[in-house]
All heavy atoms as atom14 arrays in JSON, in Angstrom:
{
  "sequence": "ARMGAAEEATLAHLAQLREVLERRVGEVGGRIFFRAGDGF",
  "atom14_mask": [
    [1, 1, 1, 1, 1, 0, 0, 0, 0, 0, 0, 0, 0, 0],
    [1, 1, 1, 1, 1, 1, 1, 1, 1, 1, 1, 0, 0, 0],
    [1, 1, 1, 1, 1, 1, 1, 1, 0, 0, 0, 0, 0, 0],
    [1, 1, 1, 1, 0, 0, 0, 0, 0, 0, 0, 0, 0, 0],
    [1, 1, 1, 1, 1, 0, 0, 0, 0, 0, 0, 0, 0, 0],
    [1, 1, 1, 1, 1, 0, 0, 0, 0, 0, 0, 0, 0, 0],
    [1, 1, 1, 1, 1, 1, 1, 1, 1, 0, 0, 0, 0, 0],
    [1, 1, 1, 1, 1, 1, 1, 1, 1, 0, 0, 0, 0, 0],
    [1, 1, 1, 1, 1, 0, 0, 0, 0, 0, 0, 0, 0, 0],
    [1, 1, 1, 1, 1, 1, 1, 0, 0, 0, 0, 0, 0, 0],
    [1, 1, 1, 1, 1, 1, 1, 1, 0, 0, 0, 0, 0, 0],
    [1, 1, 1, 1, 1, 0, 0, 0, 0, 0, 0, 0, 0, 0],
    [1, 1, 1, 1, 1, 1, 1, 1, 1, 1, 0, 0, 0, 0],
    [1, 1, 1, 1, 1, 1, 1, 1, 0, 0, 0, 0, 0, 0],
    [1, 1, 1, 1, 1, 0, 0, 0, 0, 0, 0, 0, 0, 0],
    [1, 1, 1, 1, 1, 1, 1, 1, 1, 0, 0, 0, 0, 0],
    [1, 1, 1, 1, 1, 1, 1, 1, 0, 0, 0, 0, 0, 0],
    [1, 1, 1, 1, 1, 1, 1, 1, 1, 1, 1, 0, 0, 0],
    [1, 1, 1, 1, 1, 1, 1, 1, 1, 0, 0, 0, 0, 0],
    [1, 1, 1, 1, 1, 1, 1, 0, 0, 0, 0, 0, 0, 0],
    [1, 1, 1, 1, 1, 1, 1, 1, 0, 0, 0, 0, 0, 0],
    [1, 1, 1, 1, 1, 1, 1, 1, 1, 0, 0, 0, 0, 0],
    [1, 1, 1, 1, 1, 1, 1, 1, 1, 1, 1, 0, 0, 0],
    [1, 1, 1, 1, 1, 1, 1, 1, 1, 1, 1, 0, 0, 0],
    [1, 1, 1, 1, 1, 1, 1, 0, 0, 0, 0, 0, 0, 0],
    [1, 1, 1, 1, 0, 0, 0, 0, 0, 0, 0, 0, 0, 0],
    [1, 1, 1, 1, 1, 1, 1, 1, 1, 0, 0, 0, 0, 0],
    [1, 1, 1, 1, 1, 1, 1, 0, 0, 0, 0, 0, 0, 0],
    [1, 1, 1, 1, 0, 0, 0, 0, 0, 0, 0, 0, 0, 0],
    [1, 1, 1, 1, 0, 0, 0, 0, 0, 0, 0, 0, 0, 0],
    [1, 1, 1, 1, 1, 1, 1, 1, 1, 1, 1, 0, 0, 0],
    [1, 1, 1, 1, 1, 1, 1, 1, 0, 0, 0, 0, 0, 0],
    [1, 1, 1, 1, 1, 1, 1, 1, 1, 1, 1, 0, 0, 0],
    [1, 1, 1, 1, 1, 1, 1, 1, 1, 1, 1, 0, 0, 0],
    [1, 1, 1, 1, 1, 1, 1, 1, 1, 1, 1, 0, 0, 0],
    [1, 1, 1, 1, 1, 0, 0, 0, 0, 0, 0, 0, 0, 0],
    [1, 1, 1, 1, 0, 0, 0, 0, 0, 0, 0, 0, 0, 0],
    [1, 1, 1, 1, 1, 1, 1, 1, 0, 0, 0, 0, 0, 0],
    [1, 1, 1, 1, 0, 0, 0, 0, 0, 0, 0, 0, 0, 0],
    [1, 1, 1, 1, 1, 1, 1, 1, 1, 1, 1, 0, 0, 0]
  ],
  "atom14_positions": [
    [[84.0, 93.53, 98.1], [83.78, 93.37, 99.53], [85.1, 93.22, 100.28], [85.27, 93.77, 101.38], [82.89, 92.15, 99.79], [0.0, 0.0, 0.0], [0.0, 0.0, 0.0], [0.0, 0.0, 0.0], [0.0, 0.0, 0.0], [0.0, 0.0, 0.0], [0.0, 0.0, 0.0], [0.0, 0.0, 0.0], [0.0, 0.0, 0.0], [0.0, 0.0, 0.0]],
    [[86.03, 92.51, 99.69], [87.35, 92.34, 100.32], [88.09, 93.67, 100.43], [88.73, 93.96, 101.44], [88.19, 91.34, 99.53], [87.82, 89.88, 99.75], [88.6, 88.99, 98.8], [88.46, 87.59, 99.1], [89.28, 86.9, 99.88], [90.3, 87.51, 100.44], [89.09, 85.62, 100.11], [0.0, 0.0, 0.0], [0.0, 0.0, 0.0], [0.0, 0.0, 0.0]],
    [[88.02, 94.46, 99.36], [88.68, 95.77, 99.37], [88.08, 96.66, 100.45], [88.79, 97.42, 101.13], [88.57, 96.43, 98.01], [89.5, 95.84, 96.96], [91.25, 96.19, 97.3], [91.32, 97.94, 96.88], [0.0, 0.0, 0.0], [0.0, 0.0, 0.0], [0.0, 0.0, 0.0], [0.0, 0.0, 0.0], [0.0, 0.0, 0.0], [0.0, 0.0, 0.0]],
    [[86.76, 96.6, 100.63], [86.12, 97.41, 101.65], [86.47, 96.98, 103.06], [86.55, 97.81, 103.97], [0.0, 0.0, 0.0], [0.0, 0.0, 0.0], [0.0, 0.0, 0.0], [0.0, 0.0, 0.0], [0.0, 0.0, 0.0], [0.0, 0.0, 0.0], [0.0, 0.0, 0.0], [0.0, 0.0, 0.0], [0.0, 0.0, 0.0], [0.0, 0.0, 0.0]],
    [[86.7, 95.68, 103.24], [86.98, 95.16, 104.57], [88.46, 95.22, 104.95], [88.8, 95.47, 106.11], [86.48, 93.72, 104.68], [0.0, 0.0, 0.0], [0.0, 0.0, 0.0], [0.0, 0.0, 0.0], [0.0, 0.0, 0.0], [0.0, 0.0, 0.0], [0.0, 0.0, 0.0], [0.0, 0.0, 0.0], [0.0, 0.0, 0.0], [0.0, 0.0, 0.0]],
    [[89.35, 94.97, 103.98], [90.8, 94.91, 104.28], [91.56, 95.27, 103.01], [92.04, 94.38, 102.3], [91.18, 93.53, 104.79], [0.0, 0.0, 0.0], [0.0, 0.0, 0.0], [0.0, 0.0, 0.0], [0.0, 0.0, 0.0], [0.0, 0.0, 0.0], [0.0, 0.0, 0.0], [0.0, 0.0, 0.0], [0.0, 0.0, 0.0], [0.0, 0.0, 0.0]],
    [[91.68, 96.54, 102.76], [92.25, 97.02, 101.49], [93.7, 96.59, 101.29], [94.05, 96.05, 100.24], [92.14, 98.54, 101.42], [92.53, 99.13, 100.08], [92.31, 100.62, 100.04], [93.14, 101.35, 100.64], [91.31, 101.06, 99.45], [0.0, 0.0, 0.0], [0.0, 0.0, 0.0], [0.0, 0.0, 0.0], [0.0, 0.0, 0.0], [0.0, 0.0, 0.0]],
    [[94.55, 96.82, 102.26], [95.98, 96.53, 102.1], [96.22, 95.03, 101.95], [97.02, 94.6, 101.11], [96.77, 97.09, 103.29], [96.81, 98.62, 103.31], [97.74, 99.14, 104.4], [98.41, 98.32, 105.08], [97.8, 100.38, 104.57], [0.0, 0.0, 0.0], [0.0, 0.0, 0.0], [0.0, 0.0, 0.0], [0.0, 0.0, 0.0], [0.0, 0.0, 0.0]],
    [[95.54, 94.24, 102.75], [95.71, 92.78, 102.66], [95.22, 92.26, 101.32], [95.84, 91.38, 100.71], [94.95, 92.1, 103.8], [0.0, 0.0, 0.0], [0.0, 0.0, 0.0], [0.0, 0.0, 0.0], [0.0, 0.0, 0.0], [0.0, 0.0, 0.0], [0.0, 0.0, 0.0], [0.0, 0.0, 0.0], [0.0, 0.0, 0.0], [0.0, 0.0, 0.0]],
    [[94.11, 92.82, 100.82], [93.57, 92.4, 99.52], [94.53, 92.75, 98.4], [94.73, 91.96, 97.47], [92.2, 93.05, 99.27], [91.31, 92.67, 100.33], [91.62, 92.61, 97.94], [0.0, 0.0, 0.0], [0.0, 0.0, 0.0], [0.0, 0.0, 0.0], [0.0, 0.0, 0.0], [0.0, 0.0, 0.0], [0.0, 0.0, 0.0], [0.0, 0.0, 0.0]],
    [[95.14, 93.93, 98.46], [96.1, 94.33, 97.43], [97.33, 93.42, 97.44], [97.9, 93.11, 96.39], [96.5, 95.79, 97.62], [95.41, 96.83, 97.31], [95.9, 98.23, 97.65], [95.0, 96.75, 95.84], [0.0, 0.0, 0.0], [0.0, 0.0, 0.0], [0.0, 0.0, 0.0], [0.0, 0.0, 0.0], [0.0, 0.0, 0.0], [0.0, 0.0, 0.0]],
    [[97.76, 92.99, 98.64], [98.89, 92.07, 98.73], [98.54, 90.73, 98.1], [99.34, 90.14, 97.36], [99.3, 91.89, 100.19], [0.0, 0.0, 0.0], [0.0, 0.0, 0.0], [0.0, 0.0, 0.0], [0.0, 0.0, 0.0], [0.0, 0.0, 0.0], [0.0, 0.0, 0.0], [0.0, 0.0, 0.0], [0.0, 0.0, 0.0], [0.0, 0.0, 0.0]],
    [[97.33, 90.24, 98.36], [96.89, 89.0, 97.75], [96.72, 89.16, 96.24], [96.98, 88.22, 95.47], [95.57, 88.54, 98.37], [95.71, 87.95, 99.73], [95.14, 88.48, 100.86], [96.39, 86.84, 100.16], [95.45, 87.74, 101.91], [96.2, 86.74, 101.52], [0.0, 0.0, 0.0], [0.0, 0.0, 0.0], [0.0, 0.0, 0.0], [0.0, 0.0, 0.0]],
    [[96.28, 90.34, 95.81], [96.12, 90.6, 94.38], [97.47, 90.52, 93.66], [97.56, 89.98, 92.55], [95.49, 91.97, 94.16], [95.32, 92.43, 92.72], [94.43, 91.48, 91.93], [94.76, 93.86, 92.67], [0.0, 0.0, 0.0], [0.0, 0.0, 0.0], [0.0, 0.0, 0.0], [0.0, 0.0, 0.0], [0.0, 0.0, 0.0], [0.0, 0.0, 0.0]],
    [[98.51, 91.05, 94.28], [99.84, 90.98, 93.67], [100.28, 89.53, 93.5], [100.87, 89.16, 92.47], [100.84, 91.75, 94.53], [0.0, 0.0, 0.0], [0.0, 0.0, 0.0], [0.0, 0.0, 0.0], [0.0, 0.0, 0.0], [0.0, 0.0, 0.0], [0.0, 0.0, 0.0], [0.0, 0.0, 0.0], [0.0, 0.0, 0.0], [0.0, 0.0, 0.0]],
    [[100.0, 88.68, 94.49], [100.34, 87.26, 94.39], [99.56, 86.59, 93.27], [100.1, 85.79, 92.5], [100.05, 86.57, 95.72], [100.91, 87.04, 96.87], [100.5, 86.41, 98.2], [99.41, 85.87, 98.33], [101.38, 86.47, 99.18], [0.0, 0.0, 0.0], [0.0, 0.0, 0.0], [0.0, 0.0, 0.0], [0.0, 0.0, 0.0], [0.0, 0.0, 0.0]],
    [[98.27, 86.91, 93.18], [97.43, 86.32, 92.13], [97.92, 86.73, 90.75], [97.99, 85.9, 89.82], [95.99, 86.74, 92.35], [94.94, 86.17, 91.38], [93.61, 85.98, 92.1], [94.74, 87.09, 90.18], [0.0, 0.0, 0.0], [0.0, 0.0, 0.0], [0.0, 0.0, 0.0], [0.0, 0.0, 0.0], [0.0, 0.0, 0.0], [0.0, 0.0, 0.0]],
    [[98.26, 87.99, 90.58], [98.75, 88.47, 89.28], [100.02, 87.75, 88.87], [100.21, 87.42, 87.7], [98.99, 89.99, 89.34], [97.72, 90.82, 89.26], [98.04, 92.3, 89.4], [96.88, 93.13, 89.13], [96.82, 94.43, 89.38], [97.88, 95.05, 89.91], [95.73, 95.13, 89.1], [0.0, 0.0, 0.0], [0.0, 0.0, 0.0], [0.0, 0.0, 0.0]],
    [[100.9, 87.5, 89.85], [102.16, 86.81, 89.53], [101.87, 85.4, 89.01], [102.47, 84.96, 88.03], [103.03, 86.76, 90.79], [104.45, 86.24, 90.54], [104.53, 84.72, 90.49], [103.73, 84.07, 91.21], [105.36, 84.18, 89.73], [0.0, 0.0, 0.0], [0.0, 0.0, 0.0], [0.0, 0.0, 0.0], [0.0, 0.0, 0.0], [0.0, 0.0, 0.0]],
    [[100.94, 84.71, 89.67], [100.58, 83.36, 89.24], [99.97, 83.4, 87.85], [100.33, 82.6, 86.96], [99.58, 82.72, 90.24], [98.99, 81.44, 89.66], [100.26, 82.44, 91.56], [0.0, 0.0, 0.0], [0.0, 0.0, 0.0], [0.0, 0.0, 0.0], [0.0, 0.0, 0.0], [0.0, 0.0, 0.0], [0.0, 0.0, 0.0], [0.0, 0.0, 0.0]],
    [[99.04, 84.32, 87.62], [98.35, 84.4, 86.34], [99.32, 84.74, 85.2], [99.32, 84.09, 84.14], [97.24, 85.45, 86.42], [96.21, 85.47, 85.3], [95.46, 84.15, 85.21], [95.23, 86.62, 85.51], [0.0, 0.0, 0.0], [0.0, 0.0, 0.0], [0.0, 0.0, 0.0], [0.0, 0.0, 0.0], [0.0, 0.0, 0.0], [0.0, 0.0, 0.0]],
    [[100.16, 85.73, 85.41], [101.1, 86.13, 84.37], [102.1, 85.02, 84.06], [102.45, 84.78, 82.89], [101.82, 87.41, 84.79], [100.91, 88.63, 84.81], [101.59, 89.86, 85.4], [102.77, 89.74, 85.82], [100.96, 90.93, 85.43], [0.0, 0.0, 0.0], [0.0, 0.0, 0.0], [0.0, 0.0, 0.0], [0.0, 0.0, 0.0], [0.0, 0.0, 0.0]],
    [[102.55, 84.32, 85.09], [103.52, 83.24, 84.88], [102.9, 82.08, 84.1], [103.48, 81.6, 83.13], [104.06, 82.75, 86.23], [104.95, 81.52, 86.14], [105.68, 81.29, 87.46], [104.78, 81.31, 88.59], [104.06, 80.25, 89.0], [104.16, 79.1, 88.33], [103.29, 80.34, 90.05], [0.0, 0.0, 0.0], [0.0, 0.0, 0.0], [0.0, 0.0, 0.0]],
    [[101.72, 81.65, 84.5], [101.08, 80.51, 83.84], [100.66, 80.85, 82.42], [100.77, 80.01, 81.51], [99.89, 80.05, 84.67], [100.25, 79.35, 85.97], [101.13, 78.14, 85.73], [101.33, 77.34, 86.95], [102.09, 76.28, 87.0], [102.76, 75.86, 85.94], [102.23, 75.6, 88.14], [0.0, 0.0, 0.0], [0.0, 0.0, 0.0], [0.0, 0.0, 0.0]],
    [[100.18, 82.05, 82.2], [99.8, 82.47, 80.84], [101.03, 82.54, 79.95], [101.04, 82.06, 78.81], [99.06, 83.82, 80.87], [98.91, 84.39, 79.46], [97.69, 83.65, 81.51], [0.0, 0.0, 0.0], [0.0, 0.0, 0.0], [0.0, 0.0, 0.0], [0.0, 0.0, 0.0], [0.0, 0.0, 0.0], [0.0, 0.0, 0.0], [0.0, 0.0, 0.0]],
    [[102.11, 83.13, 80.46], [103.33, 83.28, 79.68], [104.01, 81.96, 79.38], [104.64, 81.81, 78.32], [0.0, 0.0, 0.0], [0.0, 0.0, 0.0], [0.0, 0.0, 0.0], [0.0, 0.0, 0.0], [0.0, 0.0, 0.0], [0.0, 0.0, 0.0], [0.0, 0.0, 0.0], [0.0, 0.0, 0.0], [0.0, 0.0, 0.0], [0.0, 0.0, 0.0]],
    [[103.9, 80.99, 80.27], [104.56, 79.7, 80.07], [104.1, 78.98, 78.81], [104.85, 78.23, 78.21], [104.29, 78.79, 81.28], [105.14, 79.11, 82.49], [104.76, 78.26, 83.69], [103.73, 77.55, 83.63], [105.51, 78.3, 84.7], [0.0, 0.0, 0.0], [0.0, 0.0, 0.0], [0.0, 0.0, 0.0], [0.0, 0.0, 0.0], [0.0, 0.0, 0.0]],
    [[102.86, 79.21, 78.39], [102.32, 78.52, 77.21], [102.15, 79.47, 76.02], [101.44, 79.17, 75.06], [100.98, 77.83, 77.54], [101.2, 76.71, 78.53], [99.96, 78.82, 78.08], [0.0, 0.0, 0.0], [0.0, 0.0, 0.0], [0.0, 0.0, 0.0], [0.0, 0.0, 0.0], [0.0, 0.0, 0.0], [0.0, 0.0, 0.0], [0.0, 0.0, 0.0]],
    [[102.81, 80.63, 76.09], [102.81, 81.54, 74.95], [101.61, 82.45, 74.85], [101.39, 83.08, 73.81], [0.0, 0.0, 0.0], [0.0, 0.0, 0.0], [0.0, 0.0, 0.0], [0.0, 0.0, 0.0], [0.0, 0.0, 0.0], [0.0, 0.0, 0.0], [0.0, 0.0, 0.0], [0.0, 0.0, 0.0], [0.0, 0.0, 0.0], [0.0, 0.0, 0.0]],
    [[100.81, 82.55, 75.91], [99.68, 83.46, 75.89], [100.09, 84.86, 76.33], [101.23, 85.09, 76.72], [0.0, 0.0, 0.0], [0.0, 0.0, 0.0], [0.0, 0.0, 0.0], [0.0, 0.0, 0.0], [0.0, 0.0, 0.0], [0.0, 0.0, 0.0], [0.0, 0.0, 0.0], [0.0, 0.0, 0.0], [0.0, 0.0, 0.0], [0.0, 0.0, 0.0]],
    [[99.13, 85.78, 76.29], [99.4, 87.13, 76.76], [98.15, 87.71, 77.38], [97.03, 87.47, 76.92], [99.89, 88.05, 75.64], [98.81, 88.49, 74.66], [99.31, 89.46, 73.62], [98.23, 89.89, 72.74], [97.61, 91.07, 72.82], [97.98, 91.95, 73.74], [96.62, 91.38, 71.99], [0.0, 0.0, 0.0], [0.0, 0.0, 0.0], [0.0, 0.0, 0.0]],
    [[98.33, 88.46, 78.47], [97.22, 89.18, 79.09], [97.1, 90.53, 78.38], [98.04, 91.32, 78.37], [97.47, 89.38, 80.59], [97.55, 88.01, 81.29], [96.37, 90.23, 81.21], [97.95, 88.09, 82.75], [0.0, 0.0, 0.0], [0.0, 0.0, 0.0], [0.0, 0.0, 0.0], [0.0, 0.0, 0.0], [0.0, 0.0, 0.0], [0.0, 0.0, 0.0]],
    [[95.95, 90.77, 77.75], [95.8, 92.01, 76.99], [94.87, 93.02, 77.66], [94.71, 94.14, 77.16], [95.31, 91.72, 75.56], [93.94, 91.12, 75.47], [92.82, 91.93, 75.34], [93.76, 89.74, 75.48], [91.56, 91.38, 75.25], [92.5, 89.18, 75.37], [91.39, 90.0, 75.26], [0.0, 0.0, 0.0], [0.0, 0.0, 0.0], [0.0, 0.0, 0.0]],
    [[94.29, 92.65, 78.8], [93.41, 93.58, 79.5], [93.44, 93.28, 80.99], [93.33, 92.14, 81.41], [91.98, 93.46, 78.98], [90.99, 94.37, 79.68], [90.88, 95.7, 79.32], [90.2, 93.88, 80.7], [89.98, 96.53, 79.96], [89.29, 94.7, 81.36], [89.18, 96.03, 80.98], [0.0, 0.0, 0.0], [0.0, 0.0, 0.0], [0.0, 0.0, 0.0]],
    [[93.58, 94.35, 81.79], [93.5, 94.24, 83.25], [92.63, 95.38, 83.75], [92.77, 96.51, 83.31], [94.89, 94.38, 83.91], [95.89, 93.31, 83.54], [97.24, 93.64, 84.18], [98.27, 92.66, 83.9], [98.99, 92.61, 82.79], [98.79, 93.53, 81.84], [99.9, 91.68, 82.61], [0.0, 0.0, 0.0], [0.0, 0.0, 0.0], [0.0, 0.0, 0.0]],
    [[91.74, 95.07, 84.68], [90.87, 96.11, 85.24], [90.53, 95.74, 86.67], [89.48, 95.16, 86.94], [89.61, 96.27, 84.42], [0.0, 0.0, 0.0], [0.0, 0.0, 0.0], [0.0, 0.0, 0.0], [0.0, 0.0, 0.0], [0.0, 0.0, 0.0], [0.0, 0.0, 0.0], [0.0, 0.0, 0.0], [0.0, 0.0, 0.0], [0.0, 0.0, 0.0]],
    [[91.44, 96.05, 87.61], [91.17, 95.77, 89.01], [91.06, 94.28, 89.28], [92.06, 93.59, 89.46], [0.0, 0.0, 0.0], [0.0, 0.0, 0.0], [0.0, 0.0, 0.0], [0.0, 0.0, 0.0], [0.0, 0.0, 0.0], [0.0, 0.0, 0.0], [0.0, 0.0, 0.0], [0.0, 0.0, 0.0], [0.0, 0.0, 0.0], [0.0, 0.0, 0.0]],
    [[89.81, 93.79, 89.3], [89.6, 92.39, 89.62], [89.39, 91.52, 88.4], [89.1, 90.33, 88.53], [88.38, 92.25, 90.54], [87.1, 92.78, 89.88], [87.21, 93.56, 88.93], [86.01, 92.39, 90.33], [0.0, 0.0, 0.0], [0.0, 0.0, 0.0], [0.0, 0.0, 0.0], [0.0, 0.0, 0.0], [0.0, 0.0, 0.0], [0.0, 0.0, 0.0]],
    [[89.54, 92.07, 87.18], [89.28, 91.31, 85.97], [90.49, 91.24, 85.04], [91.3, 92.17, 84.99], [0.0, 0.0, 0.0], [0.0, 0.0, 0.0], [0.0, 0.0, 0.0], [0.0, 0.0, 0.0], [0.0, 0.0, 0.0], [0.0, 0.0, 0.0], [0.0, 0.0, 0.0], [0.0, 0.0, 0.0], [0.0, 0.0, 0.0], [0.0, 0.0, 0.0]],
    [[90.59, 90.13, 84.31], [91.7, 89.91, 83.38], [91.18, 89.24, 82.12], [90.26, 88.42, 82.17], [92.77, 88.99, 84.0], [93.28, 89.45, 85.34], [92.6, 89.12, 86.51], [94.45, 90.2, 85.44], [93.06, 89.53, 87.74], [94.92, 90.62, 86.66], [94.23, 90.28, 87.83], [0.0, 0.0, 0.0], [0.0, 0.0, 0.0], [0.0, 0.0, 0.0]]
  ]
}
């Protein structure tokens, strides 16, 4: 729904979310092994 309403703004927020997720996962030795748009 967010992508349909405001695509560019949602993608900018998605980049911020990915940075947080990758940093926190990496800090404790984890790894993200799958990404699919809105899922990790």
